[in-house]
N, C-alpha and C. Protein backbone atom coordinates (compact mmCIF):
# COMPACT_ATOMS: atom_id res chain seq x y z
N UNK A 1 9.16 -6.00 -14.48
CA UNK A 1 8.95 -4.99 -15.50
C UNK A 1 7.53 -5.09 -16.06
N UNK A 2 7.01 -6.27 -16.17
CA UNK A 2 5.64 -6.43 -16.66
C UNK A 2 4.66 -6.28 -15.51
N UNK A 3 3.53 -5.70 -15.80
CA UNK A 3 2.52 -5.48 -14.78
C UNK A 3 1.25 -6.24 -15.17
N UNK A 4 1.31 -7.54 -15.05
CA UNK A 4 0.17 -8.37 -15.40
C UNK A 4 -0.66 -8.64 -14.16
N UNK A 5 -1.99 -8.65 -14.26
CA UNK A 5 -2.81 -8.92 -13.09
C UNK A 5 -2.81 -10.41 -12.75
N UNK A 6 -2.84 -10.72 -11.46
CA UNK A 6 -2.97 -12.10 -10.98
C UNK A 6 -4.36 -12.22 -10.38
N UNK A 7 -5.26 -12.83 -11.13
CA UNK A 7 -6.65 -12.93 -10.72
C UNK A 7 -6.85 -14.00 -9.66
N UNK A 8 -7.81 -13.77 -8.77
CA UNK A 8 -8.16 -14.74 -7.75
C UNK A 8 -9.01 -15.85 -8.38
N UNK A 9 -9.31 -16.87 -7.60
CA UNK A 9 -10.15 -17.97 -8.09
C UNK A 9 -11.59 -17.48 -8.27
N UNK A 10 -12.32 -18.08 -9.20
CA UNK A 10 -13.72 -17.69 -9.40
C UNK A 10 -14.57 -18.03 -8.18
N UNK A 11 -15.67 -17.32 -8.05
CA UNK A 11 -16.59 -17.56 -6.94
C UNK A 11 -17.23 -18.94 -7.10
N UNK A 12 -17.29 -19.71 -6.03
CA UNK A 12 -17.88 -21.05 -6.11
C UNK A 12 -19.09 -21.20 -5.20
N UNK A 13 -19.73 -20.09 -4.85
CA UNK A 13 -20.92 -20.11 -4.01
C UNK A 13 -22.15 -20.35 -4.90
N UNK A 14 -22.70 -21.56 -4.86
CA UNK A 14 -23.81 -21.94 -5.73
C UNK A 14 -25.12 -21.27 -5.29
N UNK A 15 -25.21 -20.85 -4.04
CA UNK A 15 -26.46 -20.27 -3.54
C UNK A 15 -26.73 -18.88 -4.15
N UNK A 16 -25.73 -18.24 -4.72
CA UNK A 16 -25.94 -16.96 -5.40
C UNK A 16 -25.57 -17.13 -6.87
N UNK A 17 -26.53 -17.49 -7.70
CA UNK A 17 -26.23 -17.78 -9.11
C UNK A 17 -25.75 -16.55 -9.88
N UNK A 18 -26.06 -15.37 -9.39
CA UNK A 18 -25.64 -14.16 -10.11
C UNK A 18 -24.12 -13.99 -10.10
N UNK A 19 -23.47 -14.37 -9.01
CA UNK A 19 -22.02 -14.20 -8.92
C UNK A 19 -21.26 -15.52 -9.06
N UNK A 20 -21.94 -16.60 -9.30
CA UNK A 20 -21.28 -17.90 -9.42
C UNK A 20 -20.38 -17.92 -10.65
N UNK A 21 -19.10 -18.25 -10.44
CA UNK A 21 -18.16 -18.39 -11.54
C UNK A 21 -17.51 -17.10 -11.99
N UNK A 22 -17.82 -15.98 -11.34
CA UNK A 22 -17.20 -14.72 -11.75
C UNK A 22 -15.94 -14.46 -10.95
N UNK A 23 -14.99 -13.81 -11.57
CA UNK A 23 -13.74 -13.42 -10.92
C UNK A 23 -13.85 -11.93 -10.60
N UNK A 24 -13.85 -11.60 -9.32
CA UNK A 24 -14.05 -10.20 -8.93
C UNK A 24 -12.94 -9.67 -8.04
N UNK A 25 -11.80 -10.35 -7.99
CA UNK A 25 -10.72 -9.90 -7.11
C UNK A 25 -9.36 -10.27 -7.70
N UNK A 26 -8.34 -9.63 -7.17
CA UNK A 26 -6.96 -9.95 -7.52
C UNK A 26 -6.30 -10.63 -6.33
N UNK A 27 -5.30 -11.46 -6.59
CA UNK A 27 -4.62 -12.15 -5.49
C UNK A 27 -3.62 -11.24 -4.79
N UNK A 28 -3.03 -10.32 -5.52
CA UNK A 28 -2.06 -9.38 -4.94
C UNK A 28 -2.37 -7.98 -5.44
N UNK A 29 -1.86 -6.98 -4.76
CA UNK A 29 -2.05 -5.60 -5.21
C UNK A 29 -1.21 -5.34 -6.45
N UNK A 30 -1.73 -4.54 -7.37
CA UNK A 30 -0.95 -4.23 -8.57
C UNK A 30 0.26 -3.36 -8.22
N UNK A 31 1.26 -3.40 -9.07
CA UNK A 31 2.45 -2.59 -8.84
C UNK A 31 2.12 -1.12 -9.03
N UNK A 32 2.80 -0.30 -8.27
CA UNK A 32 2.63 1.14 -8.40
C UNK A 32 3.96 1.72 -8.86
N UNK A 33 3.93 2.45 -9.94
CA UNK A 33 5.14 3.04 -10.49
C UNK A 33 5.31 4.45 -9.96
N UNK A 34 6.55 4.83 -9.74
CA UNK A 34 6.87 6.18 -9.31
C UNK A 34 8.07 6.67 -10.10
N UNK A 35 7.95 7.86 -10.66
CA UNK A 35 9.02 8.45 -11.45
C UNK A 35 9.52 9.70 -10.75
N UNK A 36 10.77 10.01 -10.92
CA UNK A 36 11.37 11.21 -10.33
C UNK A 36 12.24 11.89 -11.37
N UNK A 37 12.41 13.17 -11.19
CA UNK A 37 13.24 13.96 -12.08
C UNK A 37 14.12 14.86 -11.22
N UNK A 38 15.40 14.83 -11.47
CA UNK A 38 16.34 15.63 -10.69
C UNK A 38 17.05 16.60 -11.62
N UNK A 39 16.95 17.88 -11.30
CA UNK A 39 17.62 18.93 -12.08
C UNK A 39 18.70 19.57 -11.25
N UNK A 40 19.88 19.71 -11.84
CA UNK A 40 20.98 20.39 -11.15
C UNK A 40 21.47 21.54 -12.02
N UNK A 41 21.68 22.69 -11.39
CA UNK A 41 22.20 23.86 -12.09
C UNK A 41 23.58 24.18 -11.63
């Protein structure tokens, strides 16, 4: 029921200091909700 993000590990590449230690990905895809409506006459 909850849709919390699961973040990947931070970048550990020391040769690029600009992205070192940043989290830029998720470990799994987020949930996608779908709603439907049915009308009967």
